[in-house]
Every structure is written in C-alpha cells, then in structure tokens.
Amino acid sequence: TLCTLWTYVLRIPLPPKQVLRYGLQALDAHKRSGPGAKLGAARIGQLLLHHFGEALSPDQRRSAEGAAIAARGAAAPARGQAFAGRCPKCRLPLPCLAQVCDSCATPVQLCYRTARLVDSRALVACQ
C-alpha cells in the first residue's frame, strides 16, 4: 500500500534534510489519497513534528498538525495490521520507522535489492 511504501522510503538512511523532504512529500501524498489514508498522514505528521519540529516552516508545521487532527475521526487500524511493515523474524507489526522490533529485538533494515525489511544482522538474505 501507499503507507507501507512511504514508510520504507523513510527508513533509508539519508541526511536529515532529505528525510524531511521525503516526509513532507509522503504527508502530501497521503492527504491527497482520500479518507482511507488519514491515519497514515497522521502518523507521518507526528513523525515530522517529533523529529523535525524545529526545522519545519510555519506552513509545514500547520500541515503536519492538521493531518494529526484530521485523523482523530479516522478508524483505527485492525488488530495486527502492519502500517510500517512486519518484523522479518517474528512477523509482528513494526512501529513507524522502528529500527528494532519491539517484540523480539531484531534489528530491522530495508534491503535495497528486494525492497523488503530484513534482519540487519543477516543482510546476506537481501541478495
């Protein structure tokens, strides 16, 4: 889904300015995707506010805050739904942009070749 693809893009190690730029693009894409993407937009908006709050322009800040407010009425994800992908080891849903699985402590990284999340201790699986 669009949500999953953007969370994968945002996992790629990049300089903060690029992550901010891609995050703003992801927020805009989610906001234009219709009512079903409100929750994704809210999570990306919260991420931008948390990690880049001081770097956001007033308009960008309003956009991120607006996404969070608009999502208050959106339905919560179904139990077990993976917004940001699943852990490659235990298969439980990962929090947005998590580098380590909360359940099994597996370090998670995006494989550039397969565009899937892999255990970063075993990047051979990425080939």
C-alpha atoms as a PDB file:
ATOM      1  CA  THR A   1       0.000   0.000   0.000  1.00  0.00           C
ATOM      2  CA  LEU A   2       0.998   3.629  -0.249  1.00  0.00           C
ATOM      3  CA  CYS A   3       1.514   3.821   3.513  1.00  0.00           C
ATOM      4  CA  THR A   4       3.925   0.905   3.517  1.00  0.00           C
ATOM      5  CA  LEU A   5       5.884   2.181   0.536  1.00  0.00           C
ATOM      6  CA  TRP A   6       6.413   5.600   2.115  1.00  0.00           C
ATOM      7  CA  THR A   7       7.485   4.103   5.446  1.00  0.00           C
ATOM      8  CA  TYR A   8      10.020   2.008   3.527  1.00  0.00           C
ATOM      9  CA  VAL A   9      11.338   5.097   1.752  1.00  0.00           C
ATOM     10  CA  LEU A  10      11.617   6.942   5.060  1.00  0.00           C
ATOM     11  CA  ARG A  11      13.682   4.066   6.531  1.00  0.00           C
ATOM     12  CA  ILE A  12      16.519   4.574   4.036  1.00  0.00           C
ATOM     13  CA  PRO A  13      19.467   6.192   5.820  1.00  0.00           C
ATOM     14  CA  LEU A  14      19.668   9.694   4.381  1.00  0.00           C
ATOM     15  CA  PRO A  15      20.779  13.111   5.575  1.00  0.00           C
ATOM     16  CA  PRO A  16      18.093  14.776   7.730  1.00  0.00           C
ATOM     17  CA  LYS A  17      17.235  17.371   5.043  1.00  0.00           C
ATOM     18  CA  GLN A  18      16.353  14.621   2.567  1.00  0.00           C
ATOM     19  CA  VAL A  19      14.341  12.661   5.132  1.00  0.00           C
ATOM     20  CA  LEU A  20      12.418  15.847   5.899  1.00  0.00           C
ATOM     21  CA  ARG A  21      11.782  16.486   2.194  1.00  0.00           C
ATOM     22  CA  TYR A  22      10.586  12.919   1.585  1.00  0.00           C
ATOM     23  CA  GLY A  23       8.497  13.010   4.753  1.00  0.00           C
ATOM     24  CA  LEU A  24       6.729  16.165   3.558  1.00  0.00           C
ATOM     25  CA  GLN A  25       6.105  14.532   0.167  1.00  0.00           C
ATOM     26  CA  ALA A  26       4.712  11.445   1.906  1.00  0.00           C
ATOM     27  CA  LEU A  27       2.438  13.607   4.054  1.00  0.00           C
ATOM     28  CA  ASP A  28       1.149  15.404   0.963  1.00  0.00           C
ATOM     29  CA  ALA A  29       0.587  12.130  -0.919  1.00  0.00           C
ATOM     30  CA  HIS A  30      -1.364  10.643   1.985  1.00  0.00           C
ATOM     31  CA  LYS A  31      -3.504  13.749   2.388  1.00  0.00           C
ATOM     32  CA  ARG A  32      -4.446  13.623  -1.304  1.00  0.00           C
ATOM     33  CA  SER A  33      -5.158   9.880  -1.249  1.00  0.00           C
ATOM     34  CA  GLY A  34      -8.595  10.184   0.310  1.00  0.00           C
ATOM     35  CA  PRO A  35     -10.204   9.329   3.612  1.00  0.00           C
ATOM     36  CA  GLY A  36      -8.605   5.898   3.923  1.00  0.00           C
ATOM     37  CA  ALA A  37      -5.125   7.412   4.182  1.00  0.00           C
ATOM     38  CA  LYS A  38      -5.866   9.795   7.075  1.00  0.00           C
ATOM     39  CA  LEU A  39      -4.228   7.522   9.613  1.00  0.00           C
ATOM     40  CA  GLY A  40      -1.060   7.241   7.515  1.00  0.00           C
ATOM     41  CA  ALA A  41      -0.931  11.015   7.101  1.00  0.00           C
ATOM     42  CA  ALA A  42      -1.380  11.459  10.845  1.00  0.00           C
ATOM     43  CA  ARG A  43       1.493   9.106  11.649  1.00  0.00           C
ATOM     44  CA  ILE A  44       3.810  10.784   9.178  1.00  0.00           C
ATOM     45  CA  GLY A  45       2.767  14.194  10.510  1.00  0.00           C
ATOM     46  CA  GLN A  46       3.515  13.082  14.073  1.00  0.00           C
ATOM     47  CA  LEU A  47       6.887  11.732  12.952  1.00  0.00           C
ATOM     48  CA  LEU A  48       7.771  15.026  11.257  1.00  0.00           C
ATOM     49  CA  LEU A  49       6.705  17.051  14.288  1.00  0.00           C
ATOM     50  CA  HIS A  50       8.648  14.809  16.669  1.00  0.00           C
ATOM     51  CA  HIS A  51      11.908  14.576  14.708  1.00  0.00           C
ATOM     52  CA  PHE A  52      11.931  17.787  12.656  1.00  0.00           C
ATOM     53  CA  GLY A  53       9.675  20.174  14.571  1.00  0.00           C
ATOM     54  CA  GLU A  54      12.233  22.976  14.684  1.00  0.00           C
ATOM     55  CA  ALA A  55      13.161  22.601  11.000  1.00  0.00           C
ATOM     56  CA  LEU A  56       9.568  22.872   9.747  1.00  0.00           C
ATOM     57  CA  SER A  57       8.339  26.133   8.305  1.00  0.00           C
ATOM     58  CA  PRO A  58       5.109  27.508   9.817  1.00  0.00           C
ATOM     59  CA  ASP A  59       3.116  26.175   6.825  1.00  0.00           C
ATOM     60  CA  GLN A  60       4.722  22.728   7.079  1.00  0.00           C
ATOM     61  CA  ARG A  61       4.048  22.623  10.822  1.00  0.00           C
ATOM     62  CA  ARG A  62       0.378  23.544  10.261  1.00  0.00           C
ATOM     63  CA  SER A  63       0.102  20.826   7.623  1.00  0.00           C
ATOM     64  CA  ALA A  64       1.577  18.166   9.931  1.00  0.00           C
ATOM     65  CA  GLU A  65      -0.589  19.267  12.869  1.00  0.00           C
ATOM     66  CA  GLY A  66      -3.664  19.380  10.619  1.00  0.00           C
ATOM     67  CA  ALA A  67      -3.059  15.811   9.494  1.00  0.00           C
ATOM     68  CA  ALA A  68      -2.972  14.636  13.103  1.00  0.00           C
ATOM     69  CA  ILE A  69      -6.197  16.494  13.919  1.00  0.00           C
ATOM     70  CA  ALA A  70      -7.997  15.232  10.793  1.00  0.00           C
ATOM     71  CA  ALA A  71      -7.152  11.631  11.673  1.00  0.00           C
ATOM     72  CA  ARG A  72      -8.818  11.752  15.074  1.00  0.00           C
ATOM     73  CA  GLY A  73     -12.067  10.652  13.466  1.00  0.00           C
ATOM     74  CA  ALA A  74     -10.433   8.003  11.276  1.00  0.00           C
ATOM     75  CA  ALA A  75     -10.870   4.369  12.109  1.00  0.00           C
ATOM     76  CA  ALA A  76      -8.027   2.727  13.990  1.00  0.00           C
ATOM     77  CA  PRO A  77      -6.135   0.020  12.121  1.00  0.00           C
ATOM     78  CA  ALA A  78      -7.388  -3.518  12.537  1.00  0.00           C
ATOM     79  CA  ARG A  79      -5.650  -5.609  15.177  1.00  0.00           C
ATOM     80  CA  GLY A  80      -2.412  -6.921  13.721  1.00  0.00           C
ATOM     81  CA  GLN A  81      -2.449  -4.563  10.717  1.00  0.00           C
ATOM     82  CA  ALA A  82       1.092  -3.652   9.688  1.00  0.00           C
ATOM     83  CA  PHE A  83       1.243   0.042   8.801  1.00  0.00           C
ATOM     84  CA  ALA A  84       5.041   0.117   8.670  1.00  0.00           C
ATOM     85  CA  GLY A  85       5.771  -3.463   7.687  1.00  0.00           C
ATOM     86  CA  ARG A  86       6.351  -6.594   9.729  1.00  0.00           C
ATOM     87  CA  CYS A  87       9.366  -7.857  11.590  1.00  0.00           C
ATOM     88  CA  PRO A  88      11.261 -10.309   9.356  1.00  0.00           C
ATOM     89  CA  LYS A  89      11.763 -12.660  12.322  1.00  0.00           C
ATOM     90  CA  CYS A  90       8.572 -12.699  14.424  1.00  0.00           C
ATOM     91  CA  ARG A  91       6.248 -11.224  11.723  1.00  0.00           C
ATOM     92  CA  LEU A  92       4.556  -8.851  14.204  1.00  0.00           C
ATOM     93  CA  PRO A  93       3.729  -5.303  13.029  1.00  0.00           C
ATOM     94  CA  LEU A  94       6.536  -2.765  13.451  1.00  0.00           C
ATOM     95  CA  PRO A  95       6.074   0.768  14.760  1.00  0.00           C
ATOM     96  CA  CYS A  96       6.574   3.515  12.196  1.00  0.00           C
ATOM     97  CA  LEU A  97      10.287   3.774  11.274  1.00  0.00           C
ATOM     98  CA  ALA A  98      11.357   1.389  14.031  1.00  0.00           C
ATOM     99  CA  GLN A  99      14.961   0.272  13.691  1.00  0.00           C
ATOM    100  CA  VAL A 100      14.436  -2.588  16.177  1.00  0.00           C
ATOM    101  CA  CYS A 101      11.394  -4.833  16.655  1.00  0.00           C
ATOM    102  CA  ASP A 102       9.699  -4.125  19.987  1.00  0.00           C
ATOM    103  CA  SER A 103       8.696  -7.767  20.356  1.00  0.00           C
ATOM    104  CA  CYS A 104      11.845  -9.759  19.574  1.00  0.00           C
ATOM    105  CA  ALA A 105      14.589  -7.077  19.459  1.00  0.00           C
ATOM    106  CA  THR A 106      15.525  -7.919  15.868  1.00  0.00           C
ATOM    107  CA  PRO A 107      17.378  -5.016  14.199  1.00  0.00           C
ATOM    108  CA  VAL A 108      15.471  -4.135  11.035  1.00  0.00           C
ATOM    109  CA  GLN A 109      16.783  -2.582   7.844  1.00  0.00           C
ATOM    110  CA  LEU A 110      15.452  -2.047   4.345  1.00  0.00           C
ATOM    111  CA  CYS A 111      17.038  -4.244   1.676  1.00  0.00           C
ATOM    112  CA  TYR A 112      17.829  -2.118  -1.369  1.00  0.00           C
ATOM    113  CA  ARG A 113      17.636  -5.024  -3.802  1.00  0.00           C
ATOM    114  CA  THR A 114      14.340  -6.598  -2.735  1.00  0.00           C
ATOM    115  CA  ALA A 115      12.700  -3.510  -1.142  1.00  0.00           C
ATOM    116  CA  ARG A 116      11.771  -5.658   1.864  1.00  0.00           C
ATOM    117  CA  LEU A 117      12.554  -5.384   5.533  1.00  0.00           C
ATOM    118  CA  VAL A 118      15.305  -7.762   6.631  1.00  0.00           C
ATOM    119  CA  ASP A 119      17.167  -8.642   9.793  1.00  0.00           C
ATOM    120  CA  SER A 120      20.156  -6.299   9.563  1.00  0.00           C
ATOM    121  CA  ARG A 121      22.364  -8.928  11.225  1.00  0.00           C
ATOM    122  CA  ALA A 122      21.772 -11.180   8.217  1.00  0.00           C
ATOM    123  CA  LEU A 123      21.970  -8.844   5.233  1.00  0.00           C
ATOM    124  CA  VAL A 124      23.012 -11.826   3.105  1.00  0.00           C
ATOM    125  CA  ALA A 125      19.251 -12.504   2.906  1.00  0.00           C
ATOM    126  CA  CYS A 126      18.977  -9.245   0.986  1.00  0.00           C
ATOM    127  CA  GLN A 127      20.739 -10.644  -2.089  1.00  0.00           C
END
